Amino acid sequence: MDLSKKSSENIEFMIEGIKSKLRVVNVAAIKPSHFDEEKYEDLHDLYDMVMRKDTFSTSELEAIVNELGNLRRG
């Protein structure tokens, strides 16, 4: 998948990857439809960071979830 291109499919791929990697319990709270291409680069940076790490501290998880909240449309 070419994540260098802005698309709703790539947003969905990244969000699902982040949720899977973080083992998000409430998966309905984070939906790809909550994000748009306007903040694609920021979401891509967050995705890259999450995928590079194997484990996350509680504070890192909180920061990631907060950043996802900041990137949501609305």
PDB file of N, CA and C in Angstrom:
ATOM      1  N   MET A   1       0.846  -1.186   0.000  1.00  0.00           N
ATOM      2  CA  MET A   1       0.000   0.000   0.000  1.00  0.00           C
ATOM      3  C   MET A   1       0.889   1.246   0.000  1.00  0.00           C
ATOM      4  N   ASP A   2       0.570   2.172  -0.845  1.00  0.00           N
ATOM      5  CA  ASP A   2       1.344   3.408  -0.964  1.00  0.00           C
ATOM      6  C   ASP A   2       0.723   4.474  -0.073  1.00  0.00           C
ATOM      7  N   LEU A   3       1.263   4.628   1.131  1.00  0.00           N
ATOM      8  CA  LEU A   3       0.716   5.589   2.085  1.00  0.00           C
ATOM      9  C   LEU A   3       1.151   7.016   1.809  1.00  0.00           C
ATOM     10  N   SER A   4       1.943   7.211   0.761  1.00  0.00           N
ATOM     11  CA  SER A   4       2.343   8.585   0.423  1.00  0.00           C
ATOM     12  C   SER A   4       1.208   9.332  -0.269  1.00  0.00           C
ATOM     13  N   LYS A   5       0.190   8.610  -0.704  1.00  0.00           N
ATOM     14  CA  LYS A   5      -0.946   9.230  -1.388  1.00  0.00           C
ATOM     15  C   LYS A   5      -2.118   9.394  -0.444  1.00  0.00           C
ATOM     16  N   LYS A   6      -2.659  10.605  -0.405  1.00  0.00           N
ATOM     17  CA  LYS A   6      -3.816  10.891   0.441  1.00  0.00           C
ATOM     18  C   LYS A   6      -5.048  10.208  -0.141  1.00  0.00           C
ATOM     19  N   SER A   7      -5.683   9.372   0.687  1.00  0.00           N
ATOM     20  CA  SER A   7      -6.934   8.753   0.260  1.00  0.00           C
ATOM     21  C   SER A   7      -7.683   8.239   1.474  1.00  0.00           C
ATOM     22  N   SER A   8      -8.972   8.094   1.326  1.00  0.00           N
ATOM     23  CA  SER A   8      -9.770   7.571   2.429  1.00  0.00           C
ATOM     24  C   SER A   8      -9.391   6.117   2.720  1.00  0.00           C
ATOM     25  N   GLU A   9      -8.983   5.375   1.701  1.00  0.00           N
ATOM     26  CA  GLU A   9      -8.553   3.994   1.909  1.00  0.00           C
ATOM     27  C   GLU A   9      -7.289   3.938   2.754  1.00  0.00           C
ATOM     28  N   ASN A  10      -6.360   4.846   2.498  1.00  0.00           N
ATOM     29  CA  ASN A  10      -5.130   4.884   3.288  1.00  0.00           C
ATOM     30  C   ASN A  10      -5.411   5.322   4.721  1.00  0.00           C
ATOM     31  N   ILE A  11      -6.334   6.252   4.898  1.00  0.00           N
ATOM     32  CA  ILE A  11      -6.718   6.678   6.249  1.00  0.00           C
ATOM     33  C   ILE A  11      -7.289   5.473   6.995  1.00  0.00           C
ATOM     34  N   GLU A  12      -8.169   4.743   6.342  1.00  0.00           N
ATOM     35  CA  GLU A  12      -8.760   3.562   6.981  1.00  0.00           C
ATOM     36  C   GLU A  12      -7.673   2.550   7.345  1.00  0.00           C
ATOM     37  N   PHE A  13      -6.744   2.308   6.431  1.00  0.00           N
ATOM     38  CA  PHE A  13      -5.658   1.366   6.672  1.00  0.00           C
ATOM     39  C   PHE A  13      -4.835   1.783   7.896  1.00  0.00           C
ATOM     40  N   MET A  14      -4.483   3.066   7.970  1.00  0.00           N
ATOM     41  CA  MET A  14      -3.664   3.547   9.085  1.00  0.00           C
ATOM     42  C   MET A  14      -4.424   3.484  10.406  1.00  0.00           C
ATOM     43  N   ILE A  15      -5.678   3.900  10.425  1.00  0.00           N
ATOM     44  CA  ILE A  15      -6.466   3.869  11.654  1.00  0.00           C
ATOM     45  C   ILE A  15      -6.618   2.433  12.147  1.00  0.00           C
ATOM     46  N   GLU A  16      -6.916   1.522  11.239  1.00  0.00           N
ATOM     47  CA  GLU A  16      -7.070   0.117  11.635  1.00  0.00           C
ATOM     48  C   GLU A  16      -5.743  -0.438  12.149  1.00  0.00           C
ATOM     49  N   GLY A  17      -4.644  -0.051  11.537  1.00  0.00           N
ATOM     50  CA  GLY A  17      -3.323  -0.484  11.994  1.00  0.00           C
ATOM     51  C   GLY A  17      -2.994   0.038  13.381  1.00  0.00           C
ATOM     52  N   ILE A  18      -3.291   1.294  13.621  1.00  0.00           N
ATOM     53  CA  ILE A  18      -3.050   1.895  14.932  1.00  0.00           C
ATOM     54  C   ILE A  18      -3.902   1.194  15.985  1.00  0.00           C
ATOM     55  N   LYS A  19      -5.179   0.989  15.691  1.00  0.00           N
ATOM     56  CA  LYS A  19      -6.071   0.325  16.646  1.00  0.00           C
ATOM     57  C   LYS A  19      -5.580  -1.085  16.959  1.00  0.00           C
ATOM     58  N   SER A  20      -5.142  -1.790  15.944  1.00  0.00           N
ATOM     59  CA  SER A  20      -4.656  -3.150  16.139  1.00  0.00           C
ATOM     60  C   SER A  20      -3.379  -3.168  16.984  1.00  0.00           C
ATOM     61  N   LYS A  21      -2.456  -2.295  16.657  1.00  0.00           N
ATOM     62  CA  LYS A  21      -1.168  -2.253  17.361  1.00  0.00           C
ATOM     63  C   LYS A  21      -1.347  -1.850  18.822  1.00  0.00           C
ATOM     64  N   LEU A  22      -2.263  -0.928  19.080  1.00  0.00           N
ATOM     65  CA  LEU A  22      -2.482  -0.457  20.450  1.00  0.00           C
ATOM     66  C   LEU A  22      -3.470  -1.336  21.206  1.00  0.00           C
ATOM     67  N   ARG A  23      -4.061  -2.284  20.510  1.00  0.00           N
ATOM     68  CA  ARG A  23      -5.062  -3.170  21.109  1.00  0.00           C
ATOM     69  C   ARG A  23      -6.186  -2.353  21.739  1.00  0.00           C
ATOM     70  N   VAL A  24      -6.727  -1.445  20.949  1.00  0.00           N
ATOM     71  CA  VAL A  24      -7.796  -0.565  21.412  1.00  0.00           C
ATOM     72  C   VAL A  24      -9.008  -1.404  21.789  1.00  0.00           C
ATOM     73  N   VAL A  25      -9.519  -1.182  22.995  1.00  0.00           N
ATOM     74  CA  VAL A  25     -10.659  -1.945  23.484  1.00  0.00           C
ATOM     75  C   VAL A  25     -11.950  -1.451  22.848  1.00  0.00           C
ATOM     76  N   ASN A  26     -12.165  -0.151  22.849  1.00  0.00           N
ATOM     77  CA  ASN A  26     -13.398   0.424  22.306  1.00  0.00           C
ATOM     78  C   ASN A  26     -13.152   0.847  20.864  1.00  0.00           C
ATOM     79  N   VAL A  27     -13.121  -0.137  19.968  1.00  0.00           N
ATOM     80  CA  VAL A  27     -12.783   0.144  18.577  1.00  0.00           C
ATOM     81  C   VAL A  27     -13.815   1.031  17.889  1.00  0.00           C
ATOM     82  N   ALA A  28     -15.033   1.040  18.385  1.00  0.00           N
ATOM     83  CA  ALA A  28     -16.069   1.888  17.776  1.00  0.00           C
ATOM     84  C   ALA A  28     -15.807   3.365  18.027  1.00  0.00           C
ATOM     85  N   ALA A  29     -14.999   3.671  19.027  1.00  0.00           N
ATOM     86  CA  ALA A  29     -14.709   5.067  19.356  1.00  0.00           C
ATOM     87  C   ALA A  29     -13.766   5.705  18.343  1.00  0.00           C
ATOM     88  N   ILE A  30     -13.024   4.893  17.621  1.00  0.00           N
ATOM     89  CA  ILE A  30     -12.061   5.408  16.645  1.00  0.00           C
ATOM     90  C   ILE A  30     -12.423   4.819  15.292  1.00  0.00           C
ATOM     91  N   LYS A  31     -13.060   5.632  14.468  1.00  0.00           N
ATOM     92  CA  LYS A  31     -13.479   5.176  13.147  1.00  0.00           C
ATOM     93  C   LYS A  31     -12.742   5.966  12.071  1.00  0.00           C
ATOM     94  N   PRO A  32     -12.382   5.305  10.995  1.00  0.00           N
ATOM     95  CA  PRO A  32     -11.731   6.024   9.892  1.00  0.00           C
ATOM     96  C   PRO A  32     -12.549   7.205   9.386  1.00  0.00           C
ATOM     97  N   SER A  33     -13.854   7.113   9.483  1.00  0.00           N
ATOM     98  CA  SER A  33     -14.708   8.208   9.005  1.00  0.00           C
ATOM     99  C   SER A  33     -14.578   9.470   9.845  1.00  0.00           C
ATOM    100  N   HIS A  34     -13.955   9.368  11.010  1.00  0.00           N
ATOM    101  CA  HIS A  34     -13.737  10.523  11.874  1.00  0.00           C
ATOM    102  C   HIS A  34     -12.569  11.392  11.396  1.00  0.00           C
ATOM    103  N   PHE A  35     -11.847  10.922  10.400  1.00  0.00           N
ATOM    104  CA  PHE A  35     -10.636  11.598   9.942  1.00  0.00           C
ATOM    105  C   PHE A  35     -10.775  11.958   8.471  1.00  0.00           C
ATOM    106  N   ASP A  36     -10.168  13.072   8.085  1.00  0.00           N
ATOM    107  CA  ASP A  36     -10.199  13.429   6.676  1.00  0.00           C
ATOM    108  C   ASP A  36      -8.789  13.709   6.173  1.00  0.00           C
ATOM    109  N   GLU A  37      -8.695  13.975   4.898  1.00  0.00           N
ATOM    110  CA  GLU A  37      -7.387  14.140   4.266  1.00  0.00           C
ATOM    111  C   GLU A  37      -6.693  15.440   4.647  1.00  0.00           C
ATOM    112  N   GLU A  38      -7.400  16.349   5.266  1.00  0.00           N
ATOM    113  CA  GLU A  38      -6.792  17.628   5.656  1.00  0.00           C
ATOM    114  C   GLU A  38      -5.616  17.434   6.616  1.00  0.00           C
ATOM    115  N   LYS A  39      -5.714  16.437   7.481  1.00  0.00           N
ATOM    116  CA  LYS A  39      -4.647  16.178   8.460  1.00  0.00           C
ATOM    117  C   LYS A  39      -3.937  14.863   8.171  1.00  0.00           C
ATOM    118  N   TYR A  40      -3.914  14.512   6.910  1.00  0.00           N
ATOM    119  CA  TYR A  40      -3.343  13.235   6.490  1.00  0.00           C
ATOM    120  C   TYR A  40      -1.880  13.082   6.917  1.00  0.00           C
ATOM    121  N   GLU A  41      -1.073  14.101   6.700  1.00  0.00           N
ATOM    122  CA  GLU A  41       0.351  14.006   7.019  1.00  0.00           C
ATOM    123  C   GLU A  41       0.566  13.759   8.505  1.00  0.00           C
ATOM    124  N   ASP A  42      -0.212  14.443   9.349  1.00  0.00           N
ATOM    125  CA  ASP A  42      -0.083  14.247  10.795  1.00  0.00           C
ATOM    126  C   ASP A  42      -0.482  12.828  11.183  1.00  0.00           C
ATOM    127  N   LEU A  43      -1.545  12.325  10.580  1.00  0.00           N
ATOM    128  CA  LEU A  43      -1.981  10.960  10.856  1.00  0.00           C
ATOM    129  C   LEU A  43      -0.923   9.964  10.381  1.00  0.00           C
ATOM    130  N   HIS A  44      -0.348  10.232   9.240  1.00  0.00           N
ATOM    131  CA  HIS A  44       0.700   9.354   8.702  1.00  0.00           C
ATOM    132  C   HIS A  44       1.912   9.338   9.627  1.00  0.00           C
ATOM    133  N   ASP A  45       2.303  10.484  10.150  1.00  0.00           N
ATOM    134  CA  ASP A  45       3.425  10.552  11.099  1.00  0.00           C
ATOM    135  C   ASP A  45       3.118   9.744  12.354  1.00  0.00           C
ATOM    136  N   LEU A  46       1.908   9.882  12.871  1.00  0.00           N
ATOM    137  CA  LEU A  46       1.501   9.142  14.062  1.00  0.00           C
ATOM    138  C   LEU A  46       1.512   7.642  13.774  1.00  0.00           C
ATOM    139  N   TYR A  47       0.989   7.255  12.627  1.00  0.00           N
ATOM    140  CA  TYR A  47       0.987   5.845  12.217  1.00  0.00           C
ATOM    141  C   TYR A  47       2.414   5.298  12.168  1.00  0.00           C
ATOM    142  N   ASP A  48       3.320   6.023  11.534  1.00  0.00           N
ATOM    143  CA  ASP A  48       4.715   5.577  11.446  1.00  0.00           C
ATOM    144  C   ASP A  48       5.326   5.386  12.823  1.00  0.00           C
ATOM    145  N   MET A  49       5.079   6.313  13.722  1.00  0.00           N
ATOM    146  CA  MET A  49       5.627   6.220  15.071  1.00  0.00           C
ATOM    147  C   MET A  49       5.076   5.002  15.809  1.00  0.00           C
ATOM    148  N   VAL A  50       3.769   4.789  15.706  1.00  0.00           N
ATOM    149  CA  VAL A  50       3.144   3.650  16.385  1.00  0.00           C
ATOM    150  C   VAL A  50       3.683   2.334  15.832  1.00  0.00           C
ATOM    151  N   MET A  51       3.832   2.247  14.528  1.00  0.00           N
ATOM    152  CA  MET A  51       4.283   0.996  13.909  1.00  0.00           C
ATOM    153  C   MET A  51       5.744   0.678  14.232  1.00  0.00           C
ATOM    154  N   ARG A  52       6.547   1.690  14.525  1.00  0.00           N
ATOM    155  CA  ARG A  52       7.960   1.476  14.831  1.00  0.00           C
ATOM    156  C   ARG A  52       8.171   0.881  16.219  1.00  0.00           C
ATOM    157  N   LYS A  53       7.253   1.137  17.141  1.00  0.00           N
ATOM    158  CA  LYS A  53       7.437   0.699  18.528  1.00  0.00           C
ATOM    159  C   LYS A  53       6.787  -0.660  18.778  1.00  0.00           C
ATOM    160  N   ASP A  54       7.398  -1.414  19.693  1.00  0.00           N
ATOM    161  CA  ASP A  54       6.836  -2.713  20.061  1.00  0.00           C
ATOM    162  C   ASP A  54       5.941  -2.622  21.290  1.00  0.00           C
ATOM    163  N   THR A  55       6.308  -1.745  22.214  1.00  0.00           N
ATOM    164  CA  THR A  55       5.523  -1.596  23.443  1.00  0.00           C
ATOM    165  C   THR A  55       5.312  -0.113  23.726  1.00  0.00           C
ATOM    166  N   PHE A  56       4.277   0.169  24.531  1.00  0.00           N
ATOM    167  CA  PHE A  56       3.929   1.542  24.863  1.00  0.00           C
ATOM    168  C   PHE A  56       3.654   1.651  26.357  1.00  0.00           C
ATOM    169  N   SER A  57       4.156   2.719  26.943  1.00  0.00           N
ATOM    170  CA  SER A  57       3.843   2.990  28.345  1.00  0.00           C
ATOM    171  C   SER A  57       2.429   3.562  28.419  1.00  0.00           C
ATOM    172  N   THR A  58       1.910   3.610  29.614  1.00  0.00           N
ATOM    173  CA  THR A  58       0.572   4.169  29.806  1.00  0.00           C
ATOM    174  C   THR A  58       0.532   5.617  29.340  1.00  0.00           C
ATOM    175  N   SER A  59       1.551   6.382  29.650  1.00  0.00           N
ATOM    176  CA  SER A  59       1.564   7.788  29.240  1.00  0.00           C
ATOM    177  C   SER A  59       1.678   7.921  27.721  1.00  0.00           C
ATOM    178  N   GLU A  60       2.414   7.021  27.078  1.00  0.00           N
ATOM    179  CA  GLU A  60       2.500   7.054  25.615  1.00  0.00           C
ATOM    180  C   GLU A  60       1.140   6.727  24.993  1.00  0.00           C
ATOM    181  N   LEU A  61       0.451   5.731  25.540  1.00  0.00           N
ATOM    182  CA  LEU A  61      -0.876   5.388  25.036  1.00  0.00           C
ATOM    183  C   LEU A  61      -1.831   6.565  25.164  1.00  0.00           C
ATOM    184  N   GLU A  62      -1.792   7.230  26.309  1.00  0.00           N
ATOM    185  CA  GLU A  62      -2.649   8.403  26.522  1.00  0.00           C
ATOM    186  C   GLU A  62      -2.328   9.494  25.515  1.00  0.00           C
ATOM    187  N   ALA A  63      -1.044   9.721  25.274  1.00  0.00           N
ATOM    188  CA  ALA A  63      -0.625  10.760  24.323  1.00  0.00           C
ATOM    189  C   ALA A  63      -1.084  10.418  22.907  1.00  0.00           C
ATOM    190  N   ILE A  64      -0.987   9.161  22.523  1.00  0.00           N
ATOM    191  CA  ILE A  64      -1.414   8.742  21.188  1.00  0.00           C
ATOM    192  C   ILE A  64      -2.917   8.924  21.028  1.00  0.00           C
ATOM    193  N   VAL A  65      -3.672   8.487  22.022  1.00  0.00           N
ATOM    194  CA  VAL A  65      -5.128   8.634  21.968  1.00  0.00           C
ATOM    195  C   VAL A  65      -5.508  10.114  21.935  1.00  0.00           C
ATOM    196  N   ASN A  66      -4.822  10.935  22.722  1.00  0.00           N
ATOM    197  CA  ASN A  66      -5.087  12.379  22.695  1.00  0.00           C
ATOM    198  C   ASN A  66      -4.786  12.961  21.318  1.00  0.00           C
ATOM    199  N   GLU A  67      -3.703  12.532  20.712  1.00  0.00           N
ATOM    200  CA  GLU A  67      -3.352  13.036  19.383  1.00  0.00           C
ATOM    201  C   GLU A  67      -4.386  12.594  18.344  1.00  0.00           C
ATOM    202  N   LEU A  68      -4.854  11.368  18.451  1.00  0.00           N
ATOM    203  CA  LEU A  68      -5.929  10.927  17.550  1.00  0.00           C
ATOM    204  C   LEU A  68      -7.159  11.807  17.723  1.00  0.00           C
ATOM    205  N   GLY A  69      -7.444  12.162  18.968  1.00  0.00           N
ATOM    206  CA  GLY A  69      -8.576  13.068  19.224  1.00  0.00           C
ATOM    207  C   GLY A  69      -8.367  14.433  18.576  1.00  0.00           C
ATOM    208  N   ASN A  70      -7.141  14.921  18.625  1.00  0.00           N
ATOM    209  CA  ASN A  70      -6.821  16.213  17.999  1.00  0.00           C
ATOM    210  C   ASN A  70      -6.937  16.164  16.479  1.00  0.00           C
ATOM    211  N   LEU A  71      -6.704  15.007  15.904  1.00  0.00           N
ATOM    212  CA  LEU A  71      -6.717  14.858  14.447  1.00  0.00           C
ATOM    213  C   LEU A  71      -8.118  14.591  13.900  1.00  0.00           C
ATOM    214  N   ARG A  72      -9.051  14.291  14.772  1.00  0.00           N
ATOM    215  CA  ARG A  72     -10.412  14.022  14.313  1.00  0.00           C
ATOM    216  C   ARG A  72     -11.012  15.277  13.697  1.00  0.00           C
ATOM    217  N   ARG A  73     -11.843  15.069  12.699  1.00  0.00           N
ATOM    218  CA  ARG A  73     -12.523  16.223  12.093  1.00  0.00           C
ATOM    219  C   ARG A  73     -13.568  16.747  13.030  1.00  0.00           C
ATOM    220  N   GLY A  74     -13.865  18.007  12.860  1.00  0.00           N
ATOM    221  CA  GLY A  74     -14.955  18.570  13.649  1.00  0.00           C
ATOM    222  C   GLY A  74     -14.496  19.666  14.472  1.00  0.00           C
TER     223      GLY A  74
END
